[in-house]
């Protein structure tokens, strides 16, 4: 990967440099397969996916007009996945009143044998900072599984407010929103946006 591939960089005062680069569905498929099928990634809903399944899924995303995927780096090494989508076109169509400037997001932290305290929050802060780096993004929309209380707590820590449950074909989800102002207030309170 060259430095020109990096689309966004953020330095966390405690944990180092985080960056995002475009996902390559072929070159990254094996790495992603290990991440999305890991037991800790159960809420990503790809537990039984084969390597070709993962390749096909991310080729589909790469070709999609309203969906993008990125590999997140920590100090230059792949460490997380981020997906960005238009919720008025995918995932949440007809389930809420979409507004101009809404951006949907999914993220997944790579499994690790040596968890680092605060790492997942630093990843989510980086993802949100990258989304709001685009002036067209006015509000980030997420729909985590109702049972995924860990990610709901992380979402609250970066400024998300729950709106209520929504029924999707694959899950019962907690629709939540975060405006730029709420994100900035939440991260300023944590001193996270260095």
N, C-alpha and C. Protein backbone atom coordinates (compact mmCIF):
# COMPACT_ATOMS: atom_id res chain seq x y z
N UNK A 1 0.84 -1.19 0.00
CA UNK A 1 0.00 0.00 0.00
C UNK A 1 0.88 1.24 0.00
N UNK A 2 0.60 2.17 -0.87
CA UNK A 2 1.33 3.42 -0.88
C UNK A 2 0.58 4.44 -0.04
N UNK A 3 1.27 5.50 0.32
CA UNK A 3 0.63 6.54 1.12
C UNK A 3 -0.48 7.24 0.35
N UNK A 4 -0.47 7.15 -0.98
CA UNK A 4 -1.55 7.77 -1.76
C UNK A 4 -2.85 6.99 -1.63
N UNK A 5 -2.77 5.73 -1.18
CA UNK A 5 -3.98 4.93 -0.98
C UNK A 5 -4.75 5.34 0.28
N UNK A 6 -4.08 6.00 1.21
CA UNK A 6 -4.71 6.39 2.47
C UNK A 6 -5.64 7.57 2.22
N UNK A 7 -6.89 7.40 2.64
CA UNK A 7 -7.91 8.43 2.40
C UNK A 7 -8.13 9.34 3.61
N UNK A 8 -7.81 8.83 4.79
CA UNK A 8 -8.06 9.59 6.02
C UNK A 8 -7.10 9.08 7.09
N UNK A 9 -6.58 10.00 7.88
CA UNK A 9 -5.68 9.64 8.98
C UNK A 9 -6.06 10.43 10.22
N UNK A 10 -5.98 9.76 11.37
CA UNK A 10 -6.25 10.39 12.66
C UNK A 10 -5.26 9.83 13.67
N UNK A 11 -4.71 10.71 14.48
CA UNK A 11 -3.80 10.26 15.54
C UNK A 11 -4.53 10.29 16.87
N UNK A 12 -4.55 9.15 17.52
CA UNK A 12 -5.11 9.04 18.86
C UNK A 12 -3.98 9.31 19.85
N UNK A 13 -4.20 10.22 20.81
CA UNK A 13 -3.11 10.58 21.72
C UNK A 13 -2.54 9.40 22.50
N UNK A 14 -3.35 8.39 22.77
CA UNK A 14 -2.87 7.25 23.55
C UNK A 14 -2.50 6.04 22.70
N UNK A 15 -3.14 5.88 21.56
CA UNK A 15 -3.01 4.62 20.83
C UNK A 15 -2.32 4.71 19.47
N UNK A 16 -1.97 5.89 19.03
CA UNK A 16 -1.21 5.99 17.78
C UNK A 16 -2.05 6.39 16.58
N UNK A 17 -1.57 6.02 15.41
CA UNK A 17 -2.15 6.49 14.15
C UNK A 17 -3.14 5.49 13.59
N UNK A 18 -4.30 6.01 13.22
CA UNK A 18 -5.35 5.24 12.56
C UNK A 18 -5.55 5.84 11.18
N UNK A 19 -5.81 4.98 10.20
CA UNK A 19 -6.00 5.46 8.83
C UNK A 19 -7.01 4.56 8.12
N UNK A 20 -7.54 5.06 7.02
CA UNK A 20 -8.46 4.29 6.18
C UNK A 20 -7.94 4.27 4.75
N UNK A 21 -8.07 3.11 4.13
CA UNK A 21 -7.74 2.96 2.72
C UNK A 21 -8.88 2.19 2.06
N UNK A 22 -9.04 2.33 0.74
CA UNK A 22 -10.07 1.55 0.06
C UNK A 22 -9.83 0.04 0.22
N UNK A 23 -10.90 -0.69 0.35
CA UNK A 23 -10.81 -2.15 0.44
C UNK A 23 -10.67 -2.72 -0.96
N UNK A 24 -9.78 -3.68 -1.12
CA UNK A 24 -9.61 -4.41 -2.38
C UNK A 24 -10.26 -5.78 -2.20
N UNK A 25 -11.40 -6.05 -2.86
CA UNK A 25 -12.12 -7.30 -2.61
C UNK A 25 -11.31 -8.56 -2.87
N UNK A 26 -10.32 -8.49 -3.74
CA UNK A 26 -9.50 -9.66 -4.02
C UNK A 26 -8.33 -9.76 -3.04
N UNK A 27 -7.56 -8.70 -2.95
CA UNK A 27 -6.37 -8.73 -2.09
C UNK A 27 -6.73 -8.84 -0.60
N UNK A 28 -7.87 -8.32 -0.21
CA UNK A 28 -8.24 -8.30 1.21
C UNK A 28 -9.18 -9.42 1.62
N UNK A 29 -9.63 -10.26 0.69
CA UNK A 29 -10.66 -11.26 0.99
C UNK A 29 -10.23 -12.24 2.08
N UNK A 30 -9.01 -12.74 2.02
CA UNK A 30 -8.57 -13.72 3.02
C UNK A 30 -8.52 -13.09 4.41
N UNK A 31 -7.99 -11.89 4.50
CA UNK A 31 -7.96 -11.15 5.77
C UNK A 31 -9.37 -10.95 6.30
N UNK A 32 -10.27 -10.46 5.44
CA UNK A 32 -11.65 -10.21 5.85
C UNK A 32 -12.36 -11.48 6.26
N UNK A 33 -12.09 -12.57 5.55
CA UNK A 33 -12.73 -13.83 5.89
C UNK A 33 -12.42 -14.22 7.34
N UNK A 34 -11.17 -14.06 7.73
CA UNK A 34 -10.79 -14.36 9.12
C UNK A 34 -11.49 -13.46 10.12
N UNK A 35 -11.73 -12.23 9.74
CA UNK A 35 -12.39 -11.28 10.64
C UNK A 35 -13.89 -11.56 10.76
N UNK A 36 -14.57 -11.66 9.61
CA UNK A 36 -16.04 -11.72 9.64
C UNK A 36 -16.58 -13.08 10.09
N UNK A 37 -15.75 -14.13 10.04
CA UNK A 37 -16.21 -15.44 10.48
C UNK A 37 -15.75 -15.77 11.90
N UNK A 38 -15.00 -14.89 12.52
CA UNK A 38 -14.53 -15.11 13.88
C UNK A 38 -15.73 -15.09 14.84
N UNK A 39 -15.71 -15.91 15.90
CA UNK A 39 -16.83 -15.92 16.84
C UNK A 39 -17.17 -14.55 17.44
N UNK A 40 -16.18 -13.68 17.60
CA UNK A 40 -16.44 -12.34 18.15
C UNK A 40 -17.18 -11.44 17.16
N UNK A 41 -17.28 -11.87 15.91
CA UNK A 41 -17.96 -11.07 14.88
C UNK A 41 -19.37 -11.59 14.60
N UNK A 42 -19.97 -12.25 15.56
CA UNK A 42 -21.30 -12.86 15.35
C UNK A 42 -22.32 -11.85 14.86
N UNK A 43 -22.28 -10.61 15.37
CA UNK A 43 -23.27 -9.61 14.96
C UNK A 43 -23.04 -9.10 13.54
N UNK A 44 -21.92 -9.47 12.92
CA UNK A 44 -21.68 -9.08 11.53
C UNK A 44 -22.42 -9.99 10.54
N UNK A 45 -23.00 -11.06 11.06
CA UNK A 45 -23.89 -11.95 10.32
C UNK A 45 -23.24 -12.65 9.12
N UNK A 46 -21.93 -12.98 9.25
CA UNK A 46 -21.25 -13.69 8.16
C UNK A 46 -20.52 -14.93 8.70
N UNK A 47 -20.98 -15.47 9.83
CA UNK A 47 -20.29 -16.57 10.49
C UNK A 47 -20.03 -17.77 9.58
N UNK A 48 -20.97 -18.13 8.75
CA UNK A 48 -20.81 -19.30 7.91
C UNK A 48 -20.26 -19.03 6.52
N UNK A 49 -19.79 -17.82 6.28
CA UNK A 49 -19.33 -17.43 4.94
C UNK A 49 -18.03 -18.14 4.57
N UNK A 50 -17.96 -18.59 3.33
CA UNK A 50 -16.72 -19.16 2.80
C UNK A 50 -15.86 -18.01 2.26
N UNK A 51 -14.63 -18.31 1.92
CA UNK A 51 -13.75 -17.30 1.32
C UNK A 51 -14.37 -16.74 0.03
N UNK A 52 -14.87 -17.60 -0.89
CA UNK A 52 -15.52 -17.05 -2.08
C UNK A 52 -16.76 -16.20 -1.74
N UNK A 53 -17.50 -16.57 -0.69
CA UNK A 53 -18.65 -15.75 -0.27
C UNK A 53 -18.21 -14.34 0.11
N UNK A 54 -17.12 -14.26 0.86
CA UNK A 54 -16.61 -12.95 1.31
C UNK A 54 -16.13 -12.16 0.10
N UNK A 55 -15.41 -12.82 -0.80
CA UNK A 55 -14.95 -12.16 -2.02
C UNK A 55 -16.13 -11.58 -2.81
N UNK A 56 -17.16 -12.41 -2.99
CA UNK A 56 -18.34 -11.97 -3.75
C UNK A 56 -19.04 -10.79 -3.06
N UNK A 57 -19.18 -10.87 -1.74
CA UNK A 57 -19.86 -9.80 -1.00
C UNK A 57 -19.14 -8.47 -1.18
N UNK A 58 -17.81 -8.49 -1.06
CA UNK A 58 -17.07 -7.23 -1.16
C UNK A 58 -16.86 -6.78 -2.60
N UNK A 59 -16.94 -7.70 -3.57
CA UNK A 59 -16.95 -7.29 -4.98
C UNK A 59 -18.27 -6.57 -5.26
N UNK A 60 -19.36 -7.09 -4.69
CA UNK A 60 -20.67 -6.46 -4.86
C UNK A 60 -20.66 -5.05 -4.27
N UNK A 61 -20.07 -4.91 -3.09
CA UNK A 61 -19.98 -3.58 -2.46
C UNK A 61 -19.12 -2.66 -3.30
N UNK A 62 -17.99 -3.15 -3.80
CA UNK A 62 -17.09 -2.33 -4.62
C UNK A 62 -17.79 -1.82 -5.88
N UNK A 63 -18.72 -2.62 -6.40
CA UNK A 63 -19.42 -2.23 -7.63
C UNK A 63 -20.66 -1.39 -7.35
N UNK A 64 -21.07 -1.31 -6.10
CA UNK A 64 -22.32 -0.63 -5.75
C UNK A 64 -22.17 0.89 -5.80
N UNK A 65 -23.22 1.54 -6.23
CA UNK A 65 -23.22 3.00 -6.31
C UNK A 65 -23.36 3.66 -4.94
N UNK A 66 -24.04 3.01 -4.01
CA UNK A 66 -24.38 3.64 -2.73
C UNK A 66 -23.75 2.94 -1.53
N UNK A 67 -22.63 2.23 -1.74
CA UNK A 67 -22.02 1.45 -0.67
C UNK A 67 -20.51 1.41 -0.92
N UNK A 68 -19.72 1.64 0.12
CA UNK A 68 -18.25 1.59 0.03
C UNK A 68 -17.71 0.82 1.22
N UNK A 69 -16.55 0.20 1.05
CA UNK A 69 -15.89 -0.49 2.15
C UNK A 69 -14.42 -0.06 2.21
N UNK A 70 -13.90 -0.02 3.43
CA UNK A 70 -12.54 0.46 3.68
C UNK A 70 -11.86 -0.45 4.70
N UNK A 71 -10.56 -0.60 4.54
CA UNK A 71 -9.75 -1.27 5.55
C UNK A 71 -9.17 -0.18 6.45
N UNK A 72 -9.35 -0.37 7.74
CA UNK A 72 -8.78 0.55 8.71
C UNK A 72 -7.43 0.03 9.17
N UNK A 73 -6.50 0.94 9.28
CA UNK A 73 -5.14 0.61 9.69
C UNK A 73 -4.85 1.20 11.05
N UNK A 74 -4.08 0.48 11.83
CA UNK A 74 -3.56 1.00 13.09
C UNK A 74 -2.04 0.91 13.00
N UNK A 75 -1.39 2.05 13.05
CA UNK A 75 0.07 2.13 12.88
C UNK A 75 0.51 1.34 11.64
N UNK A 76 -0.28 1.47 10.56
CA UNK A 76 0.07 0.90 9.26
C UNK A 76 -0.38 -0.53 9.03
N UNK A 77 -0.92 -1.20 10.06
CA UNK A 77 -1.35 -2.60 9.90
C UNK A 77 -2.87 -2.70 9.87
N UNK A 78 -3.44 -3.57 9.03
CA UNK A 78 -4.89 -3.74 9.00
C UNK A 78 -5.44 -4.12 10.36
N UNK A 79 -6.48 -3.40 10.81
CA UNK A 79 -7.00 -3.62 12.16
C UNK A 79 -8.52 -3.54 12.25
N UNK A 80 -9.18 -2.97 11.22
CA UNK A 80 -10.63 -2.88 11.27
C UNK A 80 -11.21 -2.66 9.88
N UNK A 81 -12.51 -2.87 9.81
CA UNK A 81 -13.28 -2.73 8.58
C UNK A 81 -14.31 -1.63 8.80
N UNK A 82 -14.51 -0.82 7.79
CA UNK A 82 -15.57 0.21 7.83
C UNK A 82 -16.36 0.13 6.54
N UNK A 83 -17.67 0.17 6.67
CA UNK A 83 -18.54 0.27 5.51
C UNK A 83 -19.37 1.55 5.64
N UNK A 84 -19.52 2.23 4.52
CA UNK A 84 -20.33 3.45 4.44
C UNK A 84 -21.39 3.21 3.37
N UNK A 85 -22.65 3.62 3.67
CA UNK A 85 -23.71 3.41 2.70
C UNK A 85 -24.74 4.53 2.79
N UNK A 86 -25.54 4.65 1.75
CA UNK A 86 -26.62 5.62 1.71
C UNK A 86 -27.87 4.94 2.25
N UNK A 87 -28.33 5.30 3.47
CA UNK A 87 -29.47 4.61 4.06
C UNK A 87 -30.80 4.89 3.37
N UNK A 88 -30.83 5.86 2.49
CA UNK A 88 -32.06 6.09 1.72
C UNK A 88 -32.14 5.15 0.52
N UNK A 89 -31.01 4.46 0.22
CA UNK A 89 -30.95 3.54 -0.92
C UNK A 89 -30.74 2.08 -0.51
N UNK A 90 -30.14 1.86 0.67
CA UNK A 90 -29.80 0.51 1.15
C UNK A 90 -30.09 0.39 2.63
N UNK A 91 -30.24 -0.84 3.08
CA UNK A 91 -30.33 -1.19 4.50
C UNK A 91 -31.58 -0.67 5.22
N UNK A 92 -31.87 0.61 5.10
CA UNK A 92 -32.95 1.22 5.90
C UNK A 92 -34.06 1.84 5.06
N UNK A 93 -34.12 1.49 3.79
CA UNK A 93 -35.14 2.06 2.90
C UNK A 93 -36.52 1.77 3.46
N UNK A 94 -37.30 2.83 3.66
CA UNK A 94 -38.66 2.70 4.15
C UNK A 94 -38.80 2.44 5.64
N UNK A 95 -37.68 2.35 6.36
CA UNK A 95 -37.74 2.08 7.80
C UNK A 95 -37.61 3.32 8.66
N UNK A 96 -37.25 4.44 8.05
CA UNK A 96 -37.17 5.70 8.78
C UNK A 96 -37.24 6.83 7.77
N UNK A 97 -37.42 8.05 8.26
CA UNK A 97 -37.48 9.22 7.38
C UNK A 97 -36.06 9.70 7.10
N UNK A 98 -35.54 9.28 5.97
CA UNK A 98 -34.18 9.67 5.58
C UNK A 98 -34.13 11.16 5.29
N UNK A 99 -32.98 11.76 5.62
CA UNK A 99 -32.74 13.17 5.35
C UNK A 99 -31.52 13.33 4.45
N UNK A 100 -31.48 14.42 3.68
CA UNK A 100 -30.24 14.70 2.94
C UNK A 100 -29.08 14.82 3.94
N UNK A 101 -27.95 14.24 3.59
CA UNK A 101 -26.79 14.29 4.47
C UNK A 101 -26.68 13.11 5.42
N UNK A 102 -27.65 12.19 5.37
CA UNK A 102 -27.56 10.97 6.19
C UNK A 102 -26.57 9.99 5.56
N UNK A 103 -25.75 9.38 6.40
CA UNK A 103 -24.80 8.36 5.95
C UNK A 103 -24.90 7.18 6.91
N UNK A 104 -25.07 5.98 6.35
CA UNK A 104 -25.09 4.78 7.16
C UNK A 104 -23.68 4.22 7.32
N UNK A 105 -23.47 3.49 8.41
CA UNK A 105 -22.13 3.00 8.71
C UNK A 105 -22.19 1.66 9.43
N UNK A 106 -21.23 0.79 9.10
CA UNK A 106 -20.95 -0.44 9.85
C UNK A 106 -19.45 -0.44 10.12
N UNK A 107 -19.05 -1.02 11.24
CA UNK A 107 -17.61 -1.20 11.48
C UNK A 107 -17.39 -2.53 12.20
N UNK A 108 -16.19 -3.07 12.03
CA UNK A 108 -15.81 -4.32 12.67
C UNK A 108 -14.33 -4.24 13.00
N UNK A 109 -14.02 -4.50 14.26
CA UNK A 109 -12.62 -4.52 14.70
C UNK A 109 -12.08 -5.94 14.54
N UNK A 110 -10.88 -6.06 14.00
CA UNK A 110 -10.26 -7.37 13.81
C UNK A 110 -10.10 -8.07 15.16
N UNK A 111 -10.29 -9.39 15.17
CA UNK A 111 -10.07 -10.12 16.42
C UNK A 111 -8.61 -10.04 16.85
N UNK A 112 -8.39 -10.07 18.15
CA UNK A 112 -7.03 -9.98 18.66
C UNK A 112 -6.88 -10.87 19.88
N UNK A 113 -5.71 -11.48 20.00
CA UNK A 113 -5.40 -12.28 21.19
C UNK A 113 -4.98 -11.37 22.35
N UNK A 114 -4.63 -10.13 22.00
CA UNK A 114 -4.18 -9.19 23.03
C UNK A 114 -4.97 -7.89 22.93
N UNK A 115 -6.19 -7.88 23.47
CA UNK A 115 -7.00 -6.66 23.40
C UNK A 115 -6.31 -5.47 24.08
N UNK A 116 -6.50 -4.30 23.51
CA UNK A 116 -5.93 -3.06 24.05
C UNK A 116 -7.08 -2.20 24.58
N UNK A 117 -6.97 -1.80 25.83
CA UNK A 117 -8.03 -0.98 26.45
C UNK A 117 -8.26 0.29 25.63
N UNK A 118 -9.52 0.54 25.27
CA UNK A 118 -9.88 1.76 24.54
C UNK A 118 -9.73 1.67 23.04
N UNK A 119 -9.27 0.50 22.53
CA UNK A 119 -8.99 0.39 21.11
C UNK A 119 -10.25 0.50 20.26
N UNK A 120 -11.31 -0.20 20.64
CA UNK A 120 -12.53 -0.18 19.83
C UNK A 120 -13.15 1.21 19.81
N UNK A 121 -13.10 1.91 20.93
CA UNK A 121 -13.60 3.29 20.96
C UNK A 121 -12.75 4.18 20.05
N UNK A 122 -11.44 3.97 20.04
CA UNK A 122 -10.57 4.75 19.15
C UNK A 122 -10.88 4.45 17.68
N UNK A 123 -11.19 3.19 17.37
CA UNK A 123 -11.58 2.82 16.00
C UNK A 123 -12.87 3.53 15.62
N UNK A 124 -13.89 3.45 16.49
CA UNK A 124 -15.17 4.08 16.18
C UNK A 124 -15.02 5.59 16.06
N UNK A 125 -14.21 6.18 16.90
CA UNK A 125 -13.96 7.63 16.81
C UNK A 125 -13.31 7.98 15.47
N UNK A 126 -12.39 7.14 15.02
CA UNK A 126 -11.74 7.35 13.72
C UNK A 126 -12.76 7.22 12.59
N UNK A 127 -13.61 6.20 12.64
CA UNK A 127 -14.64 5.99 11.63
C UNK A 127 -15.55 7.21 11.55
N UNK A 128 -15.99 7.69 12.71
CA UNK A 128 -16.90 8.83 12.74
C UNK A 128 -16.20 10.11 12.26
N UNK A 129 -14.96 10.30 12.66
CA UNK A 129 -14.21 11.47 12.21
C UNK A 129 -14.04 11.45 10.70
N UNK A 130 -13.80 10.26 10.14
CA UNK A 130 -13.66 10.13 8.69
C UNK A 130 -14.98 10.46 7.99
N UNK A 131 -16.09 9.97 8.52
CA UNK A 131 -17.39 10.26 7.91
C UNK A 131 -17.71 11.74 7.96
N UNK A 132 -17.46 12.37 9.10
CA UNK A 132 -17.76 13.80 9.23
C UNK A 132 -16.70 14.68 8.57
N UNK A 133 -15.59 14.09 8.13
CA UNK A 133 -14.60 14.83 7.36
C UNK A 133 -15.18 15.29 6.03
N UNK A 134 -16.21 14.58 5.57
CA UNK A 134 -16.93 14.96 4.36
C UNK A 134 -17.99 15.99 4.75
N UNK A 135 -17.90 17.23 4.26
CA UNK A 135 -18.86 18.26 4.66
C UNK A 135 -20.31 17.91 4.30
N UNK A 136 -20.51 16.99 3.35
CA UNK A 136 -21.86 16.60 2.96
C UNK A 136 -22.53 15.71 4.02
N UNK A 137 -21.73 15.11 4.90
CA UNK A 137 -22.29 14.25 5.95
C UNK A 137 -22.81 15.12 7.08
N UNK A 138 -24.12 15.06 7.31
CA UNK A 138 -24.74 15.83 8.38
C UNK A 138 -25.14 14.96 9.57
N UNK A 139 -25.40 13.68 9.29
CA UNK A 139 -25.85 12.78 10.35
C UNK A 139 -25.45 11.36 9.98
N UNK A 140 -24.93 10.62 10.96
CA UNK A 140 -24.58 9.22 10.75
C UNK A 140 -25.70 8.37 11.35
N UNK A 141 -26.10 7.36 10.59
CA UNK A 141 -27.20 6.48 10.96
C UNK A 141 -26.64 5.07 11.15
N UNK A 142 -27.00 4.43 12.27
CA UNK A 142 -26.58 3.05 12.50
C UNK A 142 -27.79 2.22 12.92
N UNK A 143 -27.67 0.91 12.75
CA UNK A 143 -28.76 0.01 13.09
C UNK A 143 -28.18 -1.28 13.67
N UNK A 144 -27.53 -1.17 14.87
CA UNK A 144 -26.98 -2.38 15.47
C UNK A 144 -28.08 -3.31 15.98
N UNK A 145 -27.75 -4.56 16.09
CA UNK A 145 -28.66 -5.55 16.66
C UNK A 145 -29.09 -5.10 18.06
N UNK A 146 -30.37 -5.28 18.37
CA UNK A 146 -30.89 -4.90 19.70
C UNK A 146 -30.13 -5.58 20.83
N UNK A 147 -29.57 -6.76 20.56
CA UNK A 147 -28.86 -7.51 21.60
C UNK A 147 -27.38 -7.13 21.71
N UNK A 148 -26.90 -6.30 20.80
CA UNK A 148 -25.48 -5.92 20.80
C UNK A 148 -25.29 -4.70 21.70
N UNK A 149 -25.39 -4.93 23.00
CA UNK A 149 -25.30 -3.83 23.97
C UNK A 149 -23.90 -3.22 24.02
N UNK A 150 -22.87 -4.01 23.69
CA UNK A 150 -21.50 -3.47 23.71
C UNK A 150 -21.35 -2.37 22.67
N UNK A 151 -21.83 -2.61 21.45
CA UNK A 151 -21.70 -1.58 20.42
C UNK A 151 -22.64 -0.41 20.70
N UNK A 152 -23.77 -0.67 21.32
CA UNK A 152 -24.67 0.44 21.68
C UNK A 152 -24.00 1.38 22.68
N UNK A 153 -23.25 0.82 23.63
CA UNK A 153 -22.53 1.65 24.60
C UNK A 153 -21.43 2.46 23.90
N UNK A 154 -20.73 1.84 22.96
CA UNK A 154 -19.71 2.56 22.19
C UNK A 154 -20.35 3.67 21.37
N UNK A 155 -21.49 3.36 20.73
CA UNK A 155 -22.19 4.38 19.95
C UNK A 155 -22.55 5.57 20.83
N UNK A 156 -23.06 5.31 22.02
CA UNK A 156 -23.43 6.40 22.93
C UNK A 156 -22.20 7.24 23.29
N UNK A 157 -21.05 6.58 23.44
CA UNK A 157 -19.83 7.29 23.82
C UNK A 157 -19.36 8.28 22.76
N UNK A 158 -19.73 8.05 21.50
CA UNK A 158 -19.34 9.00 20.44
C UNK A 158 -20.48 9.92 20.02
N UNK A 159 -21.61 9.86 20.74
CA UNK A 159 -22.68 10.83 20.50
C UNK A 159 -23.96 10.32 19.88
N UNK A 160 -24.07 9.02 19.63
CA UNK A 160 -25.32 8.50 19.05
C UNK A 160 -26.45 8.56 20.05
N UNK A 161 -27.64 8.89 19.54
CA UNK A 161 -28.87 8.83 20.33
C UNK A 161 -29.78 7.77 19.71
N UNK A 162 -30.25 6.82 20.53
CA UNK A 162 -31.18 5.82 20.00
C UNK A 162 -32.51 6.47 19.61
N UNK A 163 -33.08 6.00 18.51
CA UNK A 163 -34.37 6.49 18.06
C UNK A 163 -35.46 5.46 18.34
N UNK A 164 -35.07 4.19 18.36
CA UNK A 164 -36.03 3.13 18.64
C UNK A 164 -35.76 1.91 17.78
N UNK A 165 -36.43 0.82 18.09
CA UNK A 165 -36.21 -0.41 17.33
C UNK A 165 -36.83 -0.35 15.94
N UNK A 166 -36.18 -1.03 15.01
CA UNK A 166 -36.71 -1.23 13.67
C UNK A 166 -36.53 -2.71 13.32
N UNK A 167 -37.46 -3.22 12.56
CA UNK A 167 -37.39 -4.62 12.14
C UNK A 167 -36.82 -4.68 10.74
N UNK A 168 -35.65 -5.34 10.63
CA UNK A 168 -35.02 -5.57 9.34
C UNK A 168 -35.18 -7.05 9.01
N UNK A 169 -35.00 -7.44 7.77
CA UNK A 169 -35.17 -8.86 7.43
C UNK A 169 -34.25 -9.79 8.24
N UNK A 170 -33.05 -9.32 8.55
CA UNK A 170 -32.06 -10.18 9.20
C UNK A 170 -31.98 -9.99 10.71
N UNK A 171 -32.63 -8.95 11.27
CA UNK A 171 -32.48 -8.70 12.71
C UNK A 171 -33.46 -7.64 13.19
N UNK A 172 -33.62 -7.61 14.52
CA UNK A 172 -34.26 -6.48 15.19
C UNK A 172 -33.12 -5.52 15.52
N UNK A 173 -33.24 -4.28 15.11
CA UNK A 173 -32.13 -3.33 15.23
C UNK A 173 -32.54 -2.12 16.05
N UNK A 174 -31.55 -1.45 16.62
CA UNK A 174 -31.77 -0.20 17.34
C UNK A 174 -31.31 0.95 16.44
N UNK A 175 -32.26 1.61 15.80
CA UNK A 175 -31.94 2.75 14.94
C UNK A 175 -31.41 3.88 15.81
N UNK A 176 -30.25 4.42 15.44
CA UNK A 176 -29.62 5.48 16.23
C UNK A 176 -29.00 6.50 15.28
N UNK A 177 -28.93 7.74 15.75
CA UNK A 177 -28.42 8.85 14.94
C UNK A 177 -27.35 9.62 15.70
N UNK A 178 -26.40 10.18 14.95
CA UNK A 178 -25.38 11.05 15.54
C UNK A 178 -25.13 12.21 14.59
N UNK A 179 -25.36 13.42 15.08
CA UNK A 179 -25.05 14.61 14.29
C UNK A 179 -23.59 14.99 14.50
N UNK A 180 -23.10 15.83 13.63
CA UNK A 180 -21.73 16.34 13.75
C UNK A 180 -21.52 17.01 15.11
N UNK A 181 -22.50 17.83 15.53
CA UNK A 181 -22.37 18.56 16.81
C UNK A 181 -22.32 17.59 17.98
N UNK A 182 -23.14 16.56 17.96
CA UNK A 182 -23.14 15.57 19.06
C UNK A 182 -21.81 14.81 19.08
N UNK A 183 -21.30 14.45 17.91
CA UNK A 183 -20.01 13.76 17.84
C UNK A 183 -18.90 14.65 18.39
N UNK A 184 -18.88 15.90 17.96
CA UNK A 184 -17.83 16.81 18.44
C UNK A 184 -17.92 17.02 19.95
N UNK A 185 -19.12 17.15 20.48
CA UNK A 185 -19.29 17.32 21.93
C UNK A 185 -18.82 16.07 22.67
N UNK A 186 -19.21 14.90 22.19
CA UNK A 186 -18.84 13.65 22.87
C UNK A 186 -17.34 13.42 22.86
N UNK A 187 -16.71 13.66 21.72
CA UNK A 187 -15.27 13.41 21.64
C UNK A 187 -14.47 14.51 22.35
N UNK A 188 -14.97 15.73 22.36
CA UNK A 188 -14.30 16.79 23.12
C UNK A 188 -14.32 16.46 24.59
N UNK A 189 -15.42 15.91 25.06
CA UNK A 189 -15.53 15.53 26.48
C UNK A 189 -14.53 14.44 26.83
N UNK A 190 -14.19 13.60 25.87
CA UNK A 190 -13.21 12.53 26.11
C UNK A 190 -11.79 12.94 25.76
N UNK A 191 -11.63 14.10 25.13
CA UNK A 191 -10.30 14.51 24.66
C UNK A 191 -9.80 13.61 23.55
N UNK A 192 -10.73 13.06 22.74
CA UNK A 192 -10.36 12.01 21.77
C UNK A 192 -9.94 12.53 20.41
N UNK A 193 -10.24 13.77 20.07
CA UNK A 193 -9.95 14.23 18.71
C UNK A 193 -8.63 14.97 18.64
N UNK A 194 -7.56 14.29 18.88
CA UNK A 194 -6.24 14.91 18.78
C UNK A 194 -5.81 14.98 17.34
